[in-house]
C-alpha atoms as a PDB file:
ATOM      1  CA  MET A   1     -95.677 -42.716-208.373  1.00  0.00           C
ATOM      2  CA  ALA A   2     -98.699 -40.270-208.557  1.00  0.00           C
ATOM      3  CA  ARG A   3    -100.360 -39.448-205.202  1.00  0.00           C
ATOM      4  CA  ALA A   4    -103.880 -40.536-204.791  1.00  0.00           C
ATOM      5  CA  ARG A   5    -106.552 -38.104-204.260  1.00  0.00           C
ATOM      6  CA  PRO A   6    -110.089 -39.482-203.961  1.00  0.00           C
ATOM      7  CA  LEU A   7    -111.870 -36.322-203.423  1.00  0.00           C
ATOM      8  CA  ARG A   8    -110.681 -34.594-206.605  1.00  0.00           C
ATOM      9  CA  PRO A   9    -113.495 -35.437-208.728  1.00  0.00           C
ATOM     10  CA  LEU A  10    -115.907 -34.071-206.060  1.00  0.00           C
ATOM     11  CA  ARG A  11    -113.805 -30.874-205.789  1.00  0.00           C
ATOM     12  CA  HIS A  12    -113.896 -30.283-209.842  1.00  0.00           C
ATOM     13  CA  ALA A  13    -117.429 -31.107-209.712  1.00  0.00           C
ATOM     14  CA  LEU A  14    -118.485 -28.606-206.714  1.00  0.00           C
ATOM     15  CA  GLU A  15    -116.010 -26.432-208.772  1.00  0.00           C
ATOM     16  CA  SER A  16    -117.866 -26.563-212.416  1.00  0.00           C
ATOM     17  CA  ALA A  17    -120.929 -25.951-210.682  1.00  0.00           C
ATOM     18  CA  GLY A  18    -119.650 -23.255-208.768  1.00  0.00           C
ATOM     19  CA  LEU A  19    -118.440 -21.380-211.981  1.00  0.00           C
ATOM     20  CA  ALA A  20    -121.436 -22.250-214.053  1.00  0.00           C
ATOM     21  CA  PHE A  21    -123.838 -20.331-211.018  1.00  0.00           C
ATOM     22  CA  LEU A  22    -121.631 -17.236-211.264  1.00  0.00           C
ATOM     23  CA  ILE A  23    -121.695 -17.327-215.092  1.00  0.00           C
ATOM     24  CA  ALA A  24    -125.600 -17.198-214.804  1.00  0.00           C
ATOM     25  CA  VAL A  25    -125.023 -14.645-212.179  1.00  0.00           C
ATOM     26  CA  ALA A  26    -122.465 -12.257-213.925  1.00  0.00           C
ATOM     27  CA  ARG A  27    -124.495 -12.674-217.438  1.00  0.00           C
ATOM     28  CA  ARG A  28    -127.659 -10.821-216.098  1.00  0.00           C
ATOM     29  CA  LEU A  29    -125.865  -7.913-214.532  1.00  0.00           C
ATOM     30  CA  PRO A  30    -125.124  -5.038-215.809  1.00  0.00           C
ATOM     31  CA  LEU A  31    -121.590  -5.304-216.964  1.00  0.00           C
ATOM     32  CA  GLU A  32    -120.044  -2.551-214.120  1.00  0.00           C
ATOM     33  CA  ALA A  33    -122.138  -4.480-211.446  1.00  0.00           C
ATOM     34  CA  ALA A  34    -120.602  -7.656-212.593  1.00  0.00           C
ATOM     35  CA  SER A  35    -117.155  -6.211-212.492  1.00  0.00           C
ATOM     36  CA  ASP A  36    -117.494  -4.690-208.926  1.00  0.00           C
ATOM     37  CA  LEU A  37    -118.981  -8.286-207.912  1.00  0.00           C
ATOM     38  CA  GLY A  38    -115.248  -9.386-209.335  1.00  0.00           C
ATOM     39  CA  GLU A  39    -113.801  -7.214-207.339  1.00  0.00           C
ATOM     40  CA  TRP A  40    -115.639  -8.458-204.071  1.00  0.00           C
ATOM     41  CA  LEU A  41    -115.083 -11.922-205.163  1.00  0.00           C
ATOM     42  CA  GLY A  42    -111.331 -11.350-205.681  1.00  0.00           C
ATOM     43  CA  ALA A  43    -110.502  -9.599-202.278  1.00  0.00           C
ATOM     44  CA  GLY A  44    -112.448 -12.866-200.320  1.00  0.00           C
ATOM     45  CA  ALA A  45    -110.154 -14.896-202.736  1.00  0.00           C
ATOM     46  CA  GLY A  46    -107.038 -13.108-201.626  1.00  0.00           C
ATOM     47  CA  ALA A  47    -108.308 -13.394-197.909  1.00  0.00           C
ATOM     48  CA  LEU A  48    -108.767 -17.222-198.140  1.00  0.00           C
ATOM     49  CA  LEU A  49    -105.870 -18.064-200.408  1.00  0.00           C
ATOM     50  CA  VAL A  50    -102.927 -17.415-197.940  1.00  0.00           C
ATOM     51  CA  ARG A  51    -100.138 -19.405-200.116  1.00  0.00           C
ATOM     52  CA  ARG A  52    -101.263 -17.757-202.946  1.00  0.00           C
ATOM     53  CA  ARG A  53    -100.878 -14.314-201.485  1.00  0.00           C
ATOM     54  CA  ARG A  54     -97.629 -14.808-199.877  1.00  0.00           C
ATOM     55  CA  ILE A  55     -96.309 -15.942-203.243  1.00  0.00           C
ATOM     56  CA  ALA A  56     -97.388 -12.483-204.852  1.00  0.00           C
ATOM     57  CA  GLU A  57     -95.846 -10.869-201.871  1.00  0.00           C
ATOM     58  CA  GLU A  58     -92.475 -12.666-202.078  1.00  0.00           C
ATOM     59  CA  ASN A  59     -92.461 -11.907-205.972  1.00  0.00           C
ATOM     60  CA  LEU A  60     -93.208  -8.040-205.157  1.00  0.00           C
ATOM     61  CA  ARG A  61     -90.753  -7.706-202.864  1.00  0.00           C
ATOM     62  CA  SER A  62     -88.335  -9.616-204.929  1.00  0.00           C
ATOM     63  CA  ALA A  63     -88.698  -7.685-208.000  1.00  0.00           C
ATOM     64  CA  LEU A  64     -89.492  -4.385-207.252  1.00  0.00           C
ATOM     65  CA  GLY A  65     -88.042  -3.868-204.014  1.00  0.00           C
ATOM     66  CA  LEU A  66     -91.016  -3.153-201.824  1.00  0.00           C
ATOM     67  CA  SER A  67     -91.116  -3.311-198.359  1.00  0.00           C
ATOM     68  CA  GLU A  68     -93.674  -6.085-196.716  1.00  0.00           C
ATOM     69  CA  ALA A  69     -96.419  -3.705-196.097  1.00  0.00           C
ATOM     70  CA  GLU A  70     -96.192  -2.117-199.591  1.00  0.00           C
ATOM     71  CA  ALA A  71     -96.183  -5.778-201.208  1.00  0.00           C
ATOM     72  CA  SER A  72     -99.116  -6.634-199.044  1.00  0.00           C
ATOM     73  CA  ARG A  73    -101.125  -3.513-200.280  1.00  0.00           C
ATOM     74  CA  VAL A  74    -100.577  -4.286-203.672  1.00  0.00           C
ATOM     75  CA  ALA A  75    -101.121  -7.575-203.608  1.00  0.00           C
ATOM     76  CA  ARG A  76    -104.529  -6.959-202.232  1.00  0.00           C
ATOM     77  CA  ARG A  77    -104.770  -4.897-205.381  1.00  0.00           C
ATOM     78  CA  VAL A  78    -103.716  -7.658-207.112  1.00  0.00           C
ATOM     79  CA  PHE A  79    -106.389 -10.200-206.198  1.00  0.00           C
ATOM     80  CA  ARG A  80    -109.352  -7.697-206.760  1.00  0.00           C
ATOM     81  CA  GLN A  81    -108.243  -6.931-210.021  1.00  0.00           C
ATOM     82  CA  LEU A  82    -107.999 -10.196-211.222  1.00  0.00           C
ATOM     83  CA  GLY A  83    -111.563 -10.779-209.828  1.00  0.00           C
ATOM     84  CA  ARG A  84    -113.070  -8.153-211.398  1.00  0.00           C
ATOM     85  CA  SER A  85    -111.518  -9.473-214.792  1.00  0.00           C
ATOM     86  CA  PHE A  86    -111.949 -12.768-214.424  1.00  0.00           C
ATOM     87  CA  VAL A  87    -116.015 -11.789-213.959  1.00  0.00           C
ATOM     88  CA  GLU A  88    -115.981  -9.068-216.516  1.00  0.00           C
ATOM     89  CA  PHE A  89    -114.761 -12.015-218.988  1.00  0.00           C
ATOM     90  CA  LEU A  90    -117.827 -14.329-217.726  1.00  0.00           C
ATOM     91  CA  ALA A  91    -120.284 -11.625-218.463  1.00  0.00           C
ATOM     92  CA  LEU A  92    -119.004 -10.556-221.656  1.00  0.00           C
ATOM     93  CA  PRO A  93    -120.851 -13.056-223.880  1.00  0.00           C
ATOM     94  CA  ALA A  94    -123.867 -11.580-222.602  1.00  0.00           C
ATOM     95  CA  HIS A  95    -123.018  -8.124-224.556  1.00  0.00           C
ATOM     96  CA  SER A  96    -122.989  -6.743-227.956  1.00  0.00           C
ATOM     97  CA  TRP A  97    -119.669  -6.071-230.160  1.00  0.00           C
ATOM     98  CA  GLU A  98    -121.106  -2.280-230.613  1.00  0.00           C
ATOM     99  CA  GLU A  99    -121.173  -1.911-226.183  1.00  0.00           C
ATOM    100  CA  LEU A 100    -118.145  -3.572-226.130  1.00  0.00           C
ATOM    101  CA  GLU A 101    -116.093  -1.515-228.416  1.00  0.00           C
ATOM    102  CA  ARG A 102    -116.935   1.791-226.649  1.00  0.00           C
ATOM    103  CA  ARG A 103    -115.322   0.272-223.458  1.00  0.00           C
ATOM    104  CA  VAL A 104    -112.229   0.089-224.978  1.00  0.00           C
ATOM    105  CA  VAL A 105    -109.821   3.348-226.504  1.00  0.00           C
ATOM    106  CA  PHE A 106    -106.814   1.809-228.230  1.00  0.00           C
ATOM    107  CA  ASP A 107    -103.539   3.526-229.132  1.00  0.00           C
ATOM    108  CA  GLU A 108    -102.346   3.556-232.762  1.00  0.00           C
ATOM    109  CA  GLY A 109    -100.794   0.393-232.741  1.00  0.00           C
ATOM    110  CA  LEU A 110    -104.012  -1.539-233.274  1.00  0.00           C
ATOM    111  CA  ALA A 111    -104.380   0.443-236.290  1.00  0.00           C
ATOM    112  CA  ARG A 112    -100.856  -0.905-237.719  1.00  0.00           C
ATOM    113  CA  LEU A 113    -102.107  -4.256-237.041  1.00  0.00           C
ATOM    114  CA  GLU A 114    -105.707  -3.703-238.858  1.00  0.00           C
ATOM    115  CA  ALA A 115    -103.994  -2.494-242.129  1.00  0.00           C
ATOM    116  CA  HIS A 116    -101.488  -5.335-241.913  1.00  0.00           C
ATOM    117  CA  ALA A 117    -104.499  -7.969-241.761  1.00  0.00           C
ATOM    118  CA  ARG A 118    -106.451  -6.011-244.499  1.00  0.00           C
ATOM    119  CA  GLU A 119    -103.220  -6.876-246.813  1.00  0.00           C
ATOM    120  CA  GLY A 120    -104.071 -10.468-245.977  1.00  0.00           C
ATOM    121  CA  LYS A 121    -101.154 -10.700-243.703  1.00  0.00           C
ATOM    122  CA  GLY A 122    -101.178 -12.747-240.573  1.00  0.00           C
ATOM    123  CA  GLY A 123     -99.400 -12.459-237.079  1.00  0.00           C
ATOM    124  CA  VAL A 124     -98.447 -13.650-234.097  1.00  0.00           C
ATOM    125  CA  LEU A 125    -100.808 -11.740-231.057  1.00  0.00           C
ATOM    126  CA  MET A 126     -99.351 -11.970-227.945  1.00  0.00           C
ATOM    127  CA  THR A 127    -100.671 -10.587-224.441  1.00  0.00           C
ATOM    128  CA  ALA A 128     -99.749 -11.340-220.754  1.00  0.00           C
ATOM    129  CA  HIS A 129    -101.463 -12.289-217.596  1.00  0.00           C
ATOM    130  CA  TYR A 130    -102.053  -8.665-217.160  1.00  0.00           C
ATOM    131  CA  GLY A 131    -105.610  -6.488-216.881  1.00  0.00           C
ATOM    132  CA  ASN A 132    -108.019  -8.402-218.096  1.00  0.00           C
ATOM    133  CA  TRP A 133    -106.345 -10.186-221.089  1.00  0.00           C
ATOM    134  CA  GLU A 134    -109.170 -12.590-222.070  1.00  0.00           C
ATOM    135  CA  PHE A 135    -111.108  -9.627-223.225  1.00  0.00           C
ATOM    136  CA  LEU A 136    -107.824  -7.907-224.357  1.00  0.00           C
ATOM    137  CA  GLY A 137    -107.319 -11.687-226.959  1.00  0.00           C
ATOM    138  CA  ALA A 138    -111.185 -11.436-227.833  1.00  0.00           C
ATOM    139  CA  PHE A 139    -111.056  -7.689-228.454  1.00  0.00           C
ATOM    140  CA  VAL A 140    -108.332  -7.741-230.749  1.00  0.00           C
ATOM    141  CA  GLY A 141    -109.128 -10.770-232.877  1.00  0.00           C
ATOM    142  CA  HIS A 142    -112.402  -9.285-233.335  1.00  0.00           C
ATOM    143  CA  ARG A 143    -110.777  -6.008-235.240  1.00  0.00           C
ATOM    144  CA  VAL A 144    -109.035  -8.224-237.146  1.00  0.00           C
ATOM    145  CA  GLY A 145    -111.042 -10.817-238.416  1.00  0.00           C
ATOM    146  CA  GLY A 146    -110.633 -13.476-235.627  1.00  0.00           C
ATOM    147  CA  VAL A 147    -107.843 -15.125-233.594  1.00  0.00           C
ATOM    148  CA  ALA A 148    -106.923 -18.971-232.818  1.00  0.00           C
ATOM    149  CA  TYR A 149    -105.380 -18.534-228.989  1.00  0.00           C
ATOM    150  CA  VAL A 150    -103.018 -21.535-227.912  1.00  0.00           C
ATOM    151  CA  PHE A 151    -104.214 -22.911-224.549  1.00  0.00           C
ATOM    152  CA  PRO A 152    -103.218 -25.003-222.081  1.00  0.00           C
ATOM    153  CA  PRO A 153    -105.891 -27.798-221.182  1.00  0.00           C
ATOM    154  CA  GLN A 154    -106.918 -27.228-217.145  1.00  0.00           C
ATOM    155  CA  SER A 155    -106.995 -30.147-215.011  1.00  0.00           C
ATOM    156  CA  ASN A 156    -111.082 -29.898-214.306  1.00  0.00           C
ATOM    157  CA  ARG A 157    -112.265 -30.427-217.579  1.00  0.00           C
ATOM    158  CA  GLY A 158    -115.741 -29.269-216.954  1.00  0.00           C
ATOM    159  CA  ALA A 159    -114.600 -25.968-215.717  1.00  0.00           C
ATOM    160  CA  ASP A 160    -112.385 -25.839-218.449  1.00  0.00           C
ATOM    161  CA  GLU A 161    -115.366 -26.564-220.908  1.00  0.00           C
ATOM    162  CA  ARG A 162    -117.375 -23.537-219.475  1.00  0.00           C
ATOM    163  CA  ILE A 163    -114.400 -21.003-219.808  1.00  0.00           C
ATOM    164  CA  ASN A 164    -113.824 -22.413-223.315  1.00  0.00           C
ATOM    165  CA  GLU A 165    -117.459 -21.955-224.234  1.00  0.00           C
ATOM    166  CA  ALA A 166    -116.998 -18.477-222.945  1.00  0.00           C
ATOM    167  CA  ARG A 167    -113.984 -17.607-225.326  1.00  0.00           C
ATOM    168  CA  ARG A 168    -116.051 -19.332-228.528  1.00  0.00           C
ATOM    169  CA  ARG A 169    -118.796 -16.993-228.012  1.00  0.00           C
ATOM    170  CA  LEU A 170    -116.238 -13.825-227.871  1.00  0.00           C
ATOM    171  CA  GLY A 171    -115.242 -15.237-231.508  1.00  0.00           C
ATOM    172  CA  VAL A 172    -111.706 -16.970-230.222  1.00  0.00           C
ATOM    173  CA  GLU A 173    -110.884 -20.009-231.981  1.00  0.00           C
ATOM    174  CA  LEU A 174    -108.905 -22.696-229.578  1.00  0.00           C
ATOM    175  CA  ILE A 175    -105.645 -24.281-230.245  1.00  0.00           C
ATOM    176  CA  SER A 176    -104.710 -26.751-227.351  1.00  0.00           C
ATOM    177  CA  MET A 177    -101.268 -27.373-226.461  1.00  0.00           C
ATOM    178  CA  GLU A 178    -101.842 -30.939-226.854  1.00  0.00           C
ATOM    179  CA  GLU A 179    -102.065 -30.199-230.879  1.00  0.00           C
ATOM    180  CA  GLY A 180     -98.822 -28.927-230.711  1.00  0.00           C
ATOM    181  CA  MET A 181     -97.731 -25.753-232.900  1.00  0.00           C
ATOM    182  CA  ARG A 182     -98.398 -26.985-236.288  1.00  0.00           C
ATOM    183  CA  ARG A 183    -101.733 -25.938-236.647  1.00  0.00           C
ATOM    184  CA  ALA A 184    -100.577 -22.614-235.338  1.00  0.00           C
ATOM    185  CA  LEU A 185     -98.425 -21.863-238.002  1.00  0.00           C
ATOM    186  CA  ARG A 186    -100.241 -23.245-240.514  1.00  0.00           C
ATOM    187  CA  ARG A 187    -102.703 -20.644-239.591  1.00  0.00           C
ATOM    188  CA  LEU A 188    -100.100 -18.096-239.684  1.00  0.00           C
ATOM    189  CA  LEU A 189     -99.083 -19.082-243.243  1.00  0.00           C
ATOM    190  CA  GLU A 190    -102.464 -18.785-244.419  1.00  0.00           C
ATOM    191  CA  GLY A 191    -102.429 -15.289-243.225  1.00  0.00           C
ATOM    192  CA  GLY A 192    -104.329 -16.006-240.036  1.00  0.00           C
ATOM    193  CA  HIS A 193    -103.710 -14.410-236.662  1.00  0.00           C
ATOM    194  CA  VAL A 194    -102.500 -16.782-233.423  1.00  0.00           C
ATOM    195  CA  GLY A 195    -102.320 -15.556-229.605  1.00  0.00           C
ATOM    196  CA  MET A 196    -100.389 -16.551-227.169  1.00  0.00           C
ATOM    197  CA  LEU A 197     -99.724 -15.998-223.292  1.00  0.00           C
ATOM    198  CA  PRO A 198     -95.987 -16.977-222.813  1.00  0.00           C
ATOM    199  CA  ASP A 199     -95.497 -15.035-219.390  1.00  0.00           C
ATOM    200  CA  GLN A 200     -95.389 -17.747-217.043  1.00  0.00           C
ATOM    201  CA  ASP A 201     -92.679 -20.175-216.080  1.00  0.00           C
ATOM    202  CA  ALA A 202     -91.834 -22.582-219.036  1.00  0.00           C
ATOM    203  CA  ARG A 203     -90.172 -24.906-216.959  1.00  0.00           C
ATOM    204  CA  LYS A 204     -87.526 -27.006-219.251  1.00  0.00           C
ATOM    205  CA  LEU A 205     -89.206 -26.092-222.410  1.00  0.00           C
ATOM    206  CA  GLY A 206     -88.224 -22.239-222.206  1.00  0.00           C
ATOM    207  CA  ILE A 207     -84.962 -20.450-222.377  1.00  0.00           C
ATOM    208  CA  HIS A 208     -83.782 -18.409-219.645  1.00  0.00           C
ATOM    209  CA  VAL A 209     -84.033 -14.611-220.449  1.00  0.00           C
ATOM    210  CA  PRO A 210     -83.744 -11.355-217.833  1.00  0.00           C
ATOM    211  CA  PHE A 211     -87.085 -10.557-216.476  1.00  0.00           C
ATOM    212  CA  PHE A 212     -86.863  -7.974-213.434  1.00  0.00           C
ATOM    213  CA  GLY A 213     -83.260  -8.585-213.115  1.00  0.00           C
ATOM    214  CA  ARG A 214     -83.224 -12.229-213.039  1.00  0.00           C
ATOM    215  CA  PRO A 215     -83.280 -14.868-215.537  1.00  0.00           C
ATOM    216  CA  ALA A 216     -86.397 -16.494-216.279  1.00  0.00           C
ATOM    217  CA  SER A 217     -87.211 -19.824-217.926  1.00  0.00           C
ATOM    218  CA  THR A 218     -89.418 -18.292-221.059  1.00  0.00           C
ATOM    219  CA  LEU A 219     -91.369 -19.855-223.926  1.00  0.00           C
ATOM    220  CA  THR A 220     -90.195 -19.220-227.142  1.00  0.00           C
ATOM    221  CA  GLY A 221     -93.038 -19.889-229.135  1.00  0.00           C
ATOM    222  CA  PRO A 222     -93.928 -16.848-230.150  1.00  0.00           C
ATOM    223  CA  ALA A 223     -90.407 -15.830-231.518  1.00  0.00           C
ATOM    224  CA  ARG A 224     -90.174 -19.302-232.672  1.00  0.00           C
ATOM    225  CA  LEU A 225     -93.835 -19.026-234.629  1.00  0.00           C
ATOM    226  CA  ALA A 226     -92.768 -15.521-236.090  1.00  0.00           C
ATOM    227  CA  ILE A 227     -89.539 -16.813-237.659  1.00  0.00           C
ATOM    228  CA  ARG A 228     -91.072 -19.598-239.475  1.00  0.00           C
ATOM    229  CA  ALA A 229     -93.668 -18.003-240.657  1.00  0.00           C
ATOM    230  CA  GLY A 230     -91.937 -14.546-241.279  1.00  0.00           C
ATOM    231  CA  CYS A 231     -94.573 -12.471-239.596  1.00  0.00           C
ATOM    232  CA  PRO A 232     -94.418  -9.818-236.864  1.00  0.00           C
ATOM    233  CA  ILE A 233     -95.536 -10.170-233.267  1.00  0.00           C
ATOM    234  CA  TYR A 234     -98.035  -7.824-231.610  1.00  0.00           C
ATOM    235  CA  PHE A 235     -97.762  -7.404-228.189  1.00  0.00           C
ATOM    236  CA  ALA A 236    -100.449  -5.676-226.451  1.00  0.00           C
ATOM    237  CA  LEU A 237    -102.030  -4.998-222.971  1.00  0.00           C
ATOM    238  CA  LEU A 238    -105.068  -3.404-221.378  1.00  0.00           C
ATOM    239  CA  ASP A 239    -105.060  -1.055-218.515  1.00  0.00           C
ATOM    240  CA  ARG A 240    -108.039  -0.753-216.702  1.00  0.00           C
ATOM    241  CA  VAL A 241    -109.418   2.718-216.514  1.00  0.00           C
ATOM    242  CA  GLY A 242    -112.812   1.879-214.272  1.00  0.00           C
ATOM    243  CA  PRO A 243    -115.114  -1.004-213.991  1.00  0.00           C
ATOM    244  CA  ALA A 244    -115.338  -2.861-217.436  1.00  0.00           C
ATOM    245  CA  THR A 245    -113.475   0.380-219.130  1.00  0.00           C
ATOM    246  CA  PHE A 246    -110.054   0.233-220.495  1.00  0.00           C
ATOM    247  CA  ARG A 247    -107.412   1.661-222.357  1.00  0.00           C
ATOM    248  CA  GLY A 248    -105.527  -0.641-224.649  1.00  0.00           C
ATOM    249  CA  LYS A 249    -101.664  -0.027-225.429  1.00  0.00           C
ATOM    250  CA  THR A 250     -99.176  -1.434-227.966  1.00  0.00           C
ATOM    251  CA  ILE A 251     -96.062  -2.284-225.765  1.00  0.00           C
ATOM    252  CA  ALA A 252     -93.995  -4.189-228.700  1.00  0.00           C
ATOM    253  CA  TRP A 253     -93.992  -4.627-232.551  1.00  0.00           C
ATOM    254  CA  VAL A 254     -91.026  -7.301-233.214  1.00  0.00           C
ATOM    255  CA  GLU A 255     -90.403  -8.355-236.559  1.00  0.00           C
ATOM    256  CA  PRO A 256     -87.841 -11.578-237.270  1.00  0.00           C
ATOM    257  CA  ILE A 257     -84.797 -10.301-239.359  1.00  0.00           C
ATOM    258  CA  PRO A 258     -84.828 -12.380-242.451  1.00  0.00           C
ATOM    259  CA  GLY A 259     -82.146 -14.854-242.598  1.00  0.00           C
ATOM    260  CA  ALA A 260     -80.826 -14.467-239.274  1.00  0.00           C
ATOM    261  CA  GLU A 261     -79.565 -17.419-237.586  1.00  0.00           C
ATOM    262  CA  GLU A 262     -82.549 -18.874-235.749  1.00  0.00           C
ATOM    263  CA  GLU A 263     -81.269 -19.415-231.952  1.00  0.00           C
ATOM    264  CA  GLN A 264     -80.154 -16.205-231.975  1.00  0.00           C
ATOM    265  CA  GLU A 265     -83.283 -14.571-233.121  1.00  0.00           C
ATOM    266  CA  LEU A 266     -85.054 -16.836-230.559  1.00  0.00           C
ATOM    267  CA  LEU A 267     -82.772 -14.807-227.962  1.00  0.00           C
ATOM    268  CA  ARG A 268     -83.241 -11.653-228.949  1.00  0.00           C
ATOM    269  CA  ILE A 269     -86.735 -11.459-229.574  1.00  0.00           C
ATOM    270  CA  THR A 270     -87.342 -13.432-226.644  1.00  0.00           C
ATOM    271  CA  THR A 271     -85.695 -10.886-224.456  1.00  0.00           C
ATOM    272  CA  ALA A 272     -87.072  -7.691-226.154  1.00  0.00           C
ATOM    273  CA  LEU A 273     -90.398  -9.192-225.415  1.00  0.00           C
ATOM    274  CA  ASN A 274     -89.681  -9.815-221.669  1.00  0.00           C
ATOM    275  CA  ALA A 275     -87.985  -6.271-221.464  1.00  0.00           C
ATOM    276  CA  ALA A 276     -91.298  -4.424-222.679  1.00  0.00           C
ATOM    277  CA  LEU A 277     -93.498  -6.547-220.330  1.00  0.00           C
ATOM    278  CA  GLU A 278     -91.488  -5.443-217.355  1.00  0.00           C
ATOM    279  CA  ALA A 279     -91.439  -2.067-218.150  1.00  0.00           C
ATOM    280  CA  ALA A 280     -95.374  -2.345-218.736  1.00  0.00           C
ATOM    281  CA  ILE A 281     -95.704  -4.249-215.311  1.00  0.00           C
ATOM    282  CA  ARG A 282     -93.699  -1.592-213.435  1.00  0.00           C
ATOM    283  CA  GLU A 283     -96.315   1.022-214.628  1.00  0.00           C
ATOM    284  CA  ARG A 284     -99.171  -0.824-213.090  1.00  0.00           C
ATOM    285  CA  PRO A 285     -97.882  -3.534-210.943  1.00  0.00           C
ATOM    286  CA  ASP A 286    -101.301  -4.409-209.608  1.00  0.00           C
ATOM    287  CA  HIS A 287    -102.123  -5.443-213.073  1.00  0.00           C
ATOM    288  CA  TRP A 288     -99.984  -8.910-213.543  1.00  0.00           C
ATOM    289  CA  TYR A 289    -100.294 -12.121-212.108  1.00  0.00           C
ATOM    290  CA  TRP A 290     -97.599 -11.896-209.136  1.00  0.00           C
ATOM    291  CA  ILE A 291     -99.645 -14.977-207.950  1.00  0.00           C
ATOM    292  CA  HIS A 292     -97.457 -17.412-210.037  1.00  0.00           C
ATOM    293  CA  ARG A 293     -93.886 -18.437-209.480  1.00  0.00           C
ATOM    294  CA  ARG A 294     -92.451 -16.844-212.167  1.00  0.00           C
ATOM    295  CA  TRP A 295     -88.856 -18.041-211.573  1.00  0.00           C
ATOM    296  CA  LYS A 296     -89.577 -21.669-210.126  1.00  0.00           C
ATOM    297  CA  THR A 297     -87.164 -23.204-213.200  1.00  0.00           C
ATOM    298  CA  PRO A 298     -83.374 -22.283-211.988  1.00  0.00           C
ATOM    299  CA  PRO A 299     -80.891 -21.571-214.885  1.00  0.00           C
ATOM    300  CA  PRO A 300     -79.020 -24.869-216.074  1.00  0.00           C
ATOM    301  CA  THR A 301     -75.754 -25.030-214.371  1.00  0.00           C
ATOM    302  CA  THR A 302     -73.661 -25.977-217.426  1.00  0.00           C
END
């Protein structure tokens, strides 16, 4: 039986109103100033959200072997980075694509994806909760002529709609998890692009593959879509260079093997994607979303 939470509607209303105020402020500031505001808010959140900070520190010690002091320092940087990325994202719709494109330098992997798109071919665009992932999704989608991202709905529908409004203004189409994967597959088969962020605990829906030396329940959605649509998975991230400036990097381009057994392909591709993400996180550990319990779901016992 669900626990009664009589104050939840009030909390959601306050969160939605606070988000609306932050959006209004962020969109009136120069983008660098919005980024700096985000860092300040992120530092405050790190001080207040003690439970989340402890989760991050525990994950950092376990995955990277950091000492308590080192884990604490990186966790603080994680919160500041998250704050910067969030307020930058809220501010982005107030700026032109001409300006935004000057803020990202991408590697040659994006040119390969653009050439693929010019041939009328679709693909799965994959990123992670790393750096400014919202900007990454919008930026790559803009360069290939549009992308539809699969997002789970949030419990606070008012705040969720404000976030989705920012995504739509950046040209990102939304596919809700509630719609299932059928719409995403149809888009790929029509030569479009679908985006996903499958780097959080997948509970019983995922398969367990290695991530920082431990089995982690991982969603197979990107691999399954790529196999059934016969298209590649393009996995990219944004590294922060400075306030609202980034370097884009391609960390994997994976194509399904035609005719291969599907379950074996799901395992091969999902394992490869986790390995690529792990390598990137090791280079910039403050960029990833360590405040999530990534290894919460234990492997099956049989």
